[in-house]
Amino acid sequence: MKVRAVILAGGEGSRLGVLTVKRTKPAVPFAGKYRIIDFTLSNCVNSHIFDVMILAQYRPHSLIEHIGSGGPWDLNRGFTGGVKIYSPFRARRSGDWYSGTADAVWQNLNFVKSTRPDLVLVLSGDHIYAMDYDPLIAFHLDHQADATLCTISVPLESASRFGNITTEQDYRVVRFEEKPRHPQSNLANMGVYLFNSTVLEQLLRGDSHRRDSNHDFGKDILPRMVADNARLFAFPYSGYWVDVGTLESYWQAHLDLLASPPSIDLNDRRWVIHTLSEERPPALIRADAVVCDSLLANGTIVNDGARVERSVLSPGVRVGKGAIVRESIILTDTWIEEGAVVERAILDKRVTIGARAHVGETLTDLKDSLVTIGKNSQIPPEAILPAGVVIGTEVPAAKIPAKLRRQQAIVLENEED
């Protein structure tokens, strides 16, 4: 049984704010040394699926550079599969920016079919989870399904954020509703779909002719399958899974990794999360520094008397003497200078926090607490950035006042350039 994985990696991810100004959501750094897409890619290779397509769209440059020829995932293959990245293209008859998830696969269907797969596994490139797809494939074949979607149980009060599913005792889907106001079950759609190849082609072809369609799997394809009484089944997944689609969920997913036990055991050699690693020296912790419940990537330096608590530090991060970092996510080559305090903040790459500056504070409402600072921005010494402040990318110290208001944003007009 030949399986081809198609990873949807074109998401703009606007709810991740400054983190996706310069990069697509699946390329956002995660857990110190990874990118978000590494988890989906690793699930594929750990499940012995080595034929992988990635459909990119929004600002794909970081993603393309990260994936390269696929070597870190053992996907630099030729005749036996490998990884290939496809972007939107203009053809003679059709082709344009993808209007939905189903349209993305439809526009690339000839490429999907080129290796003649029996089954097509459609995945999202912006979810954090560790899942063996073998049981899903066995379930699909055992139930003689046309398509199988993966579900996870969520609290009923949050079920309206997801596609909502009702099943019969044999797991056959009898109702699918995308993000309903009043969900009828606590089964949520994970965005993991397995299709018979011929069925997928028929569904996408029919959907492409519908003018009233959003050309989306959740909004159109799956509800229509239920209406047409197709053999659509729900595979129950019981592990950890999160869509890091907001700054709050992105921050919380990092804190989940620091829990005991962690949400995903990154030290489990039976399920390695592969990535393109940077060549950096080992982490260095100086005298009298304190580091607790934190992840430190290679090349990080925590200087004398500094304190790092419940935080994730990416390669090359430097924490100055006596500085404090608490419940924060610090991306590559950021400098936190002497005596500065950073708490409940997300700092993108190459940010500088000036000496004795105070960034962030802990409020009861996480959404109001988080401070986010974009790539290459500079916070002047002794500046005060209270909860909820947003600093865009490439903002120089001269543009930032000594004290900001809560929820204040400073974004340069040319940030999208």
Protein backbone atom coordinates (compact mmCIF):
# COMPACT_ATOMS: atom_id res chain seq x y z
CA MET A 1 0.00 0.00 0.00
CA LYS A 2 1.72 3.16 -1.23
CA VAL A 3 1.14 6.32 0.81
CA ARG A 4 2.04 9.86 -0.21
CA ALA A 5 1.98 12.64 2.38
CA VAL A 6 0.92 16.15 1.35
CA ILE A 7 1.79 18.80 3.94
CA LEU A 8 -0.10 22.10 3.74
CA ALA A 9 2.49 24.71 4.69
CA GLY A 10 1.26 27.93 3.12
CA GLY A 11 -0.42 29.51 6.11
CA GLU A 12 0.10 33.21 6.73
CA GLY A 13 -0.44 32.77 10.46
CA SER A 14 -1.43 36.40 11.06
CA ARG A 15 -2.53 35.63 14.63
CA LEU A 16 1.13 34.92 15.48
CA GLY A 17 1.80 38.61 15.04
CA VAL A 18 5.45 39.64 14.65
CA LEU A 19 6.60 36.01 14.32
CA THR A 20 5.04 35.68 10.86
CA VAL A 21 5.80 39.11 9.40
CA LYS A 22 8.85 37.67 7.64
CA ARG A 23 8.08 33.94 7.52
CA THR A 24 5.27 31.44 6.98
CA LYS A 25 3.73 29.88 10.08
CA PRO A 26 5.23 26.36 9.65
CA ALA A 27 8.71 27.95 9.51
CA VAL A 28 8.33 29.69 12.89
CA PRO A 29 11.04 28.50 15.33
CA PHE A 30 9.86 26.24 18.13
CA ALA A 31 11.30 24.62 21.27
CA GLY A 32 14.75 26.16 21.00
CA LYS A 33 16.13 24.33 17.97
CA TYR A 34 13.19 23.27 15.78
CA ARG A 35 10.71 24.78 13.33
CA ILE A 36 6.99 24.00 13.72
CA ILE A 37 6.94 21.90 10.53
CA ASP A 38 9.65 19.60 11.95
CA PHE A 39 7.02 17.79 14.02
CA THR A 40 4.83 16.88 11.04
CA LEU A 41 7.86 15.93 8.92
CA SER A 42 9.26 13.78 11.72
CA ASN A 43 5.90 12.06 12.18
CA CYS A 44 6.10 11.07 8.51
CA VAL A 45 9.60 9.62 8.55
CA ASN A 46 9.11 7.96 11.94
CA SER A 47 6.00 6.31 10.41
CA HIS A 48 8.14 5.17 7.44
CA ILE A 49 6.45 7.55 5.00
CA PHE A 50 9.26 8.88 2.82
CA ASP A 51 7.24 10.26 -0.10
CA VAL A 52 6.38 13.80 1.01
CA MET A 53 5.07 16.89 -0.80
CA ILE A 54 5.06 20.30 0.86
CA LEU A 55 2.66 22.92 -0.52
CA ALA A 56 4.02 26.37 0.30
CA GLN A 57 2.57 29.81 -0.41
CA TYR A 58 3.06 32.75 1.98
CA ARG A 59 6.70 33.95 2.37
CA PRO A 60 8.21 30.47 1.80
CA HIS A 61 11.89 31.50 1.79
CA SER A 62 12.70 30.49 5.40
CA LEU A 63 10.82 27.23 4.90
CA ILE A 64 12.62 26.36 1.66
CA GLU A 65 16.00 27.21 3.19
CA HIS A 66 15.22 25.08 6.25
CA ILE A 67 14.00 22.00 4.35
CA GLY A 68 16.64 22.11 1.62
CA SER A 69 17.02 18.65 0.08
CA GLY A 70 15.54 16.99 3.18
CA GLY A 71 18.75 15.47 4.52
CA PRO A 72 18.08 15.84 8.29
CA TRP A 73 14.82 13.87 7.85
CA ASP A 74 16.36 11.23 5.54
CA LEU A 75 14.19 12.66 2.77
CA ASN A 76 16.97 13.48 0.30
CA ARG A 77 15.84 10.62 -1.90
CA GLY A 78 15.14 10.16 -5.59
CA PHE A 79 13.41 7.05 -6.92
CA THR A 80 12.16 5.96 -3.47
CA GLY A 81 10.37 9.20 -2.63
CA GLY A 82 11.93 12.14 -0.85
CA VAL A 83 10.60 15.62 -0.15
CA LYS A 84 9.54 18.17 -2.75
CA ILE A 85 8.28 21.73 -2.17
CA TYR A 86 5.66 23.25 -4.48
CA SER A 87 4.54 26.87 -4.63
CA PRO A 88 1.56 28.38 -6.55
CA PHE A 89 2.18 28.73 -10.27
CA ARG A 90 0.49 30.25 -13.27
CA ALA A 91 -0.54 27.64 -15.86
CA ARG A 92 -2.22 28.14 -19.26
CA ARG A 93 -5.64 26.99 -18.11
CA SER A 94 -5.64 27.67 -14.40
CA GLY A 95 -3.50 28.37 -11.41
CA ASP A 96 -3.35 31.16 -8.89
CA TRP A 97 -2.93 31.71 -5.17
CA TYR A 98 -4.61 28.90 -3.26
CA SER A 99 -8.13 29.86 -2.21
CA GLY A 100 -8.41 27.09 0.39
CA THR A 101 -6.79 23.90 1.61
CA ALA A 102 -8.65 21.74 -0.91
CA ASP A 103 -7.78 24.11 -3.73
CA ALA A 104 -4.09 23.85 -2.82
CA VAL A 105 -4.19 20.08 -3.31
CA TRP A 106 -6.37 20.40 -6.43
CA GLN A 107 -3.92 22.77 -8.13
CA ASN A 108 -1.13 20.27 -7.48
CA LEU A 109 -3.12 17.10 -8.14
CA ASN A 110 -1.03 16.04 -11.12
CA PHE A 111 2.06 16.19 -8.93
CA VAL A 112 0.23 14.29 -6.16
CA LYS A 113 -0.66 11.53 -8.63
CA SER A 114 2.79 11.38 -10.22
CA THR A 115 4.03 8.63 -7.88
CA ARG A 116 0.74 6.70 -8.18
CA PRO A 117 -0.10 6.48 -4.46
CA ASP A 118 -2.93 4.29 -3.22
CA LEU A 119 -3.54 6.60 -0.27
CA VAL A 120 -2.94 10.33 0.18
CA LEU A 121 -2.25 11.61 3.70
CA VAL A 122 -3.12 15.32 3.93
CA LEU A 123 -1.44 17.04 6.88
CA SER A 124 -1.08 20.52 8.35
CA GLY A 125 2.44 21.88 8.71
CA ASP A 126 1.65 24.05 11.72
CA HIS A 127 0.63 21.60 14.46
CA ILE A 128 2.70 20.28 17.36
CA TYR A 129 2.20 16.57 18.02
CA ALA A 130 4.00 13.21 17.85
CA MET A 131 1.83 10.68 16.02
CA ASP A 132 2.51 7.31 14.44
CA TYR A 133 0.43 7.22 11.24
CA ASP A 134 0.60 3.40 10.92
CA PRO A 135 -2.43 2.77 13.21
CA LEU A 136 -4.38 5.42 11.24
CA ILE A 137 -3.63 3.63 7.97
CA ALA A 138 -4.59 0.24 9.45
CA PHE A 139 -7.84 1.74 10.79
CA HIS A 140 -8.65 3.22 7.38
CA LEU A 141 -8.14 -0.11 5.60
CA ASP A 142 -9.99 -2.14 8.23
CA HIS A 143 -13.06 0.12 7.90
CA GLN A 144 -12.90 0.15 4.10
CA ALA A 145 -13.12 3.93 4.30
CA ASP A 146 -13.22 6.40 1.47
CA ALA A 147 -11.56 8.88 3.82
CA THR A 148 -10.55 8.97 7.47
CA LEU A 149 -10.03 12.07 9.60
CA CYS A 150 -8.28 12.18 12.95
CA THR A 151 -10.11 13.48 16.00
CA ILE A 152 -9.15 14.47 19.50
CA SER A 153 -11.37 15.05 22.54
CA VAL A 154 -11.41 18.64 23.77
CA PRO A 155 -13.36 20.41 26.53
CA LEU A 156 -16.88 21.11 25.25
CA GLU A 157 -16.52 24.82 26.02
CA SER A 158 -13.63 25.09 23.52
CA ALA A 159 -15.06 22.75 20.86
CA SER A 160 -16.42 25.68 18.83
CA ARG A 161 -12.85 26.56 17.81
CA PHE A 162 -12.57 23.38 15.72
CA GLY A 163 -14.39 21.29 13.18
CA ASN A 164 -16.97 19.41 15.24
CA ILE A 165 -17.72 15.72 14.62
CA THR A 166 -20.42 13.27 15.64
CA THR A 167 -19.91 9.56 15.00
CA GLU A 168 -21.76 6.27 15.25
CA GLN A 169 -20.44 3.40 17.39
CA ASP A 170 -18.32 2.12 14.50
CA TYR A 171 -16.66 5.58 14.19
CA ARG A 172 -18.49 6.45 11.00
CA VAL A 173 -18.98 10.23 10.77
CA VAL A 174 -22.65 11.22 10.68
CA ARG A 175 -22.19 14.97 11.23
CA PHE A 176 -19.39 17.42 10.51
CA GLU A 177 -19.70 21.12 11.21
CA GLU A 178 -16.86 23.63 10.89
CA LYS A 179 -16.46 25.76 14.04
CA PRO A 180 -20.13 25.74 15.12
CA ARG A 181 -21.41 28.22 17.68
CA HIS A 182 -23.11 25.42 19.59
CA PRO A 183 -21.08 22.21 19.19
CA GLN A 184 -22.94 18.95 19.74
CA SER A 185 -19.90 16.88 20.74
CA ASN A 186 -16.41 17.32 22.13
CA LEU A 187 -14.72 15.59 19.17
CA ALA A 188 -12.47 18.04 17.33
CA ASN A 189 -11.00 17.75 13.86
CA MET A 190 -7.17 17.64 13.95
CA GLY A 191 -6.64 18.48 10.29
CA VAL A 192 -5.13 15.05 9.56
CA TYR A 193 -6.87 13.34 6.63
CA LEU A 194 -6.29 10.04 4.84
CA PHE A 195 -7.97 9.60 1.44
CA ASN A 196 -8.15 6.86 -1.11
CA SER A 197 -6.37 8.44 -4.04
CA THR A 198 -9.23 7.97 -6.54
CA VAL A 199 -11.79 9.28 -4.05
CA LEU A 200 -9.69 12.38 -3.37
CA GLU A 201 -9.49 13.19 -7.08
CA GLN A 202 -13.25 12.83 -7.52
CA LEU A 203 -13.97 15.05 -4.52
CA LEU A 204 -11.55 17.78 -5.56
CA ARG A 205 -12.72 17.77 -9.16
CA GLY A 206 -16.35 18.17 -8.11
CA ASP A 207 -15.49 20.89 -5.60
CA SER A 208 -13.49 22.87 -8.16
CA HIS A 209 -16.68 23.44 -10.21
CA ARG A 210 -18.74 24.73 -7.27
CA ARG A 211 -18.91 28.52 -7.29
CA ASP A 212 -20.34 28.61 -3.76
CA SER A 213 -17.43 26.61 -2.31
CA ASN A 214 -14.59 27.90 -0.15
CA HIS A 215 -12.54 25.03 -1.59
CA ASP A 216 -11.60 23.97 1.92
CA PHE A 217 -11.49 20.49 3.45
CA GLY A 218 -13.16 21.50 6.71
CA LYS A 219 -15.74 23.90 5.30
CA ASP A 220 -16.68 22.03 2.12
CA ILE A 221 -15.16 18.62 1.35
CA LEU A 222 -15.88 16.80 4.61
CA PRO A 223 -19.41 18.16 5.20
CA ARG A 224 -20.28 17.24 1.61
CA MET A 225 -19.00 13.69 2.14
CA VAL A 226 -21.32 13.34 5.13
CA ALA A 227 -24.25 14.74 3.13
CA ASP A 228 -23.53 12.27 0.32
CA ASN A 229 -23.33 9.36 2.78
CA ALA A 230 -19.73 8.61 1.83
CA ARG A 231 -17.66 6.22 3.94
CA LEU A 232 -16.03 8.85 6.12
CA PHE A 233 -14.61 7.60 9.43
CA ALA A 234 -13.07 9.25 12.48
CA PHE A 235 -9.84 7.87 13.95
CA PRO A 236 -9.62 8.67 17.70
CA TYR A 237 -6.26 10.10 18.77
CA SER A 238 -5.45 10.34 22.47
CA GLY A 239 -2.00 11.93 22.53
CA TYR A 240 -0.86 15.54 22.79
CA TRP A 241 -1.82 17.82 19.90
CA VAL A 242 -2.00 21.59 19.59
CA ASP A 243 -2.56 24.01 16.74
CA VAL A 244 -0.12 26.81 17.58
CA GLY A 245 -2.21 29.33 15.70
CA THR A 246 -2.14 32.10 18.31
CA LEU A 247 0.59 33.66 20.41
CA GLU A 248 -1.09 32.28 23.53
CA SER A 249 -1.14 28.68 22.21
CA TYR A 250 2.45 29.06 20.93
CA TRP A 251 3.60 30.23 24.37
CA GLN A 252 1.59 27.56 26.19
CA ALA A 253 2.94 24.77 23.95
CA HIS A 254 6.45 25.75 25.03
CA LEU A 255 5.45 25.71 28.69
CA ASP A 256 3.89 22.26 28.13
CA LEU A 257 7.31 20.99 27.05
CA LEU A 258 8.72 22.17 30.39
CA ALA A 259 6.10 20.32 32.43
CA SER A 260 6.89 17.10 34.30
CA PRO A 261 6.25 14.87 32.46
CA PRO A 262 6.51 16.98 29.27
CA SER A 263 3.79 17.02 26.61
CA ILE A 264 6.26 15.53 24.11
CA ASP A 265 9.44 13.84 25.29
CA LEU A 266 12.13 15.36 23.09
CA ASN A 267 14.63 12.89 24.59
CA ASP A 268 12.73 9.82 23.36
CA ARG A 269 15.17 8.14 20.96
CA ARG A 270 12.34 5.96 19.64
CA TRP A 271 10.60 9.04 18.22
CA VAL A 272 13.22 11.59 17.25
CA ILE A 273 12.11 15.05 16.16
CA HIS A 274 14.51 15.74 13.29
CA THR A 275 15.63 19.20 12.24
CA LEU A 276 18.36 21.17 10.50
CA SER A 277 20.64 21.99 13.42
CA GLU A 278 22.98 24.94 13.61
CA GLU A 279 26.68 24.34 14.34
CA ARG A 280 27.08 26.02 17.71
CA PRO A 281 29.25 25.32 20.78
CA PRO A 282 27.68 23.77 23.90
CA ALA A 283 25.62 25.94 26.22
CA LEU A 284 27.63 27.77 28.90
CA ILE A 285 26.33 28.62 32.38
CA ARG A 286 28.59 30.91 34.40
CA ALA A 287 29.19 31.02 38.15
CA ASP A 288 26.23 31.83 40.40
CA ALA A 289 23.79 31.65 37.47
CA VAL A 290 20.55 29.78 38.12
CA VAL A 291 18.68 27.87 35.40
CA CYS A 292 15.57 25.87 36.29
CA ASP A 293 12.82 24.12 34.27
CA SER A 294 14.20 25.53 31.02
CA LEU A 295 15.45 24.42 27.61
CA LEU A 296 18.80 25.86 26.49
CA ALA A 297 19.98 25.30 22.92
CA ASN A 298 23.61 25.15 21.81
CA GLY A 299 25.51 28.41 21.90
CA THR A 300 23.51 29.97 24.74
CA ILE A 301 25.43 31.79 27.48
CA VAL A 302 23.96 32.56 30.90
CA ASN A 303 26.31 34.94 32.69
CA ASP A 304 27.23 35.44 36.35
CA GLY A 305 24.27 35.89 38.67
CA ALA A 306 21.67 35.64 35.90
CA ARG A 307 18.47 33.66 36.44
CA VAL A 308 16.46 31.74 33.83
CA GLU A 309 13.16 30.19 34.93
CA ARG A 310 10.60 28.20 32.91
CA SER A 311 11.92 29.56 29.62
CA VAL A 312 13.20 28.37 26.24
CA LEU A 313 16.44 29.82 24.89
CA SER A 314 17.36 29.27 21.23
CA PRO A 315 20.89 29.03 19.74
CA GLY A 316 23.21 31.93 20.50
CA VAL A 317 21.04 33.64 23.13
CA ARG A 318 23.06 35.57 25.71
CA VAL A 319 21.78 36.50 29.14
CA GLY A 320 23.86 39.21 30.82
CA LYS A 321 25.07 39.46 34.42
CA GLY A 322 22.24 39.61 36.92
CA ALA A 323 19.55 39.53 34.21
CA ILE A 324 16.30 37.62 34.79
CA VAL A 325 14.36 35.65 32.17
CA ARG A 326 11.08 34.19 33.35
CA GLU A 327 8.38 32.25 31.40
CA SER A 328 9.68 33.55 28.08
CA ILE A 329 10.59 32.26 24.62
CA ILE A 330 13.82 33.75 23.31
CA LEU A 331 14.78 33.11 19.68
CA THR A 332 18.20 32.88 18.03
CA ASP A 333 21.04 35.33 18.78
CA THR A 334 19.00 37.60 21.04
CA TRP A 335 20.99 39.51 23.68
CA ILE A 336 19.55 40.32 27.09
CA GLU A 337 21.98 42.74 28.63
CA GLU A 338 23.13 43.17 32.22
CA GLY A 339 20.42 43.61 34.83
CA ALA A 340 17.51 43.42 32.38
CA VAL A 341 14.28 41.62 33.29
CA VAL A 342 12.22 39.71 30.72
CA GLU A 343 9.04 37.92 31.77
CA ARG A 344 6.18 36.43 29.77
CA ALA A 345 7.69 37.63 26.52
CA ILE A 346 8.32 36.21 23.06
CA LEU A 347 11.43 37.72 21.48
CA ASP A 348 12.20 36.99 17.82
CA LYS A 349 15.72 36.58 16.39
CA ARG A 350 18.51 39.08 17.03
CA VAL A 351 16.56 41.26 19.45
CA THR A 352 18.58 43.35 21.91
CA ILE A 353 17.20 44.12 25.36
CA GLY A 354 19.20 47.01 26.79
CA ALA A 355 20.78 46.97 30.25
CA ARG A 356 18.32 47.23 33.16
CA ALA A 357 15.32 47.37 30.83
CA HIS A 358 12.16 45.73 32.15
CA VAL A 359 10.13 43.81 29.56
CA GLY A 360 6.79 42.26 30.49
CA GLU A 361 4.85 41.47 33.62
CA THR A 362 2.62 38.63 34.79
CA LEU A 363 -1.11 39.27 34.64
CA THR A 364 -3.95 36.84 35.34
CA ASP A 365 -5.08 36.89 31.72
CA LEU A 366 -2.34 35.38 29.55
CA LYS A 367 -3.64 37.10 26.42
CA ASP A 368 -3.11 40.49 28.06
CA SER A 369 0.28 39.51 29.53
CA LEU A 370 2.43 38.52 26.56
CA VAL A 371 4.94 41.01 25.19
CA THR A 372 6.13 40.29 21.63
CA ILE A 373 9.17 41.83 19.96
CA GLY A 374 9.96 41.35 16.27
CA LYS A 375 13.19 40.34 14.59
CA ASN A 376 16.20 42.71 14.86
CA SER A 377 14.49 45.25 17.11
CA GLN A 378 16.41 47.03 19.84
CA ILE A 379 15.03 47.96 23.26
CA PRO A 380 16.96 50.84 24.84
CA PRO A 381 18.56 50.57 28.29
CA GLU A 382 16.23 51.07 31.26
CA ALA A 383 13.12 51.12 29.06
CA ILE A 384 9.89 49.80 30.59
CA LEU A 385 7.63 47.64 28.42
CA PRO A 386 4.59 46.53 30.44
CA ALA A 387 2.22 43.66 29.63
CA GLY A 388 0.80 43.31 26.13
CA VAL A 389 3.28 45.59 24.36
CA VAL A 390 4.04 44.76 20.72
CA ILE A 391 7.24 45.91 19.02
CA GLY A 392 7.46 45.22 15.29
CA THR A 393 10.47 44.10 13.26
CA GLU A 394 13.60 46.18 12.69
CA VAL A 395 12.55 48.87 15.22
CA PRO A 396 15.65 50.80 16.41
CA ALA A 397 16.11 51.90 20.01
CA ALA A 398 15.60 55.55 19.02
CA LYS A 399 11.97 54.80 18.05
CA ILE A 400 11.07 53.33 21.45
CA PRO A 401 10.18 55.65 24.36
CA ALA A 402 11.56 55.09 27.84
CA LYS A 403 8.18 53.90 29.11
CA LEU A 404 5.28 52.42 27.16
CA ARG A 405 1.64 51.85 28.05
CA ARG A 406 0.11 48.42 28.43
CA GLN A 407 -0.96 46.95 25.05
CA GLN A 408 0.88 49.71 23.17
CA ALA A 409 2.26 48.77 19.73
CA ILE A 410 5.19 50.27 17.85
CA VAL A 411 5.36 49.04 14.27
CA LEU A 412 7.32 50.72 11.48
CA GLU A 413 5.40 51.58 8.32
CA ASN A 414 7.74 49.59 6.07
CA GLU A 415 7.55 46.42 8.16
CA GLU A 416 6.16 44.38 5.27
CA ASP A 417 9.04 45.31 2.93
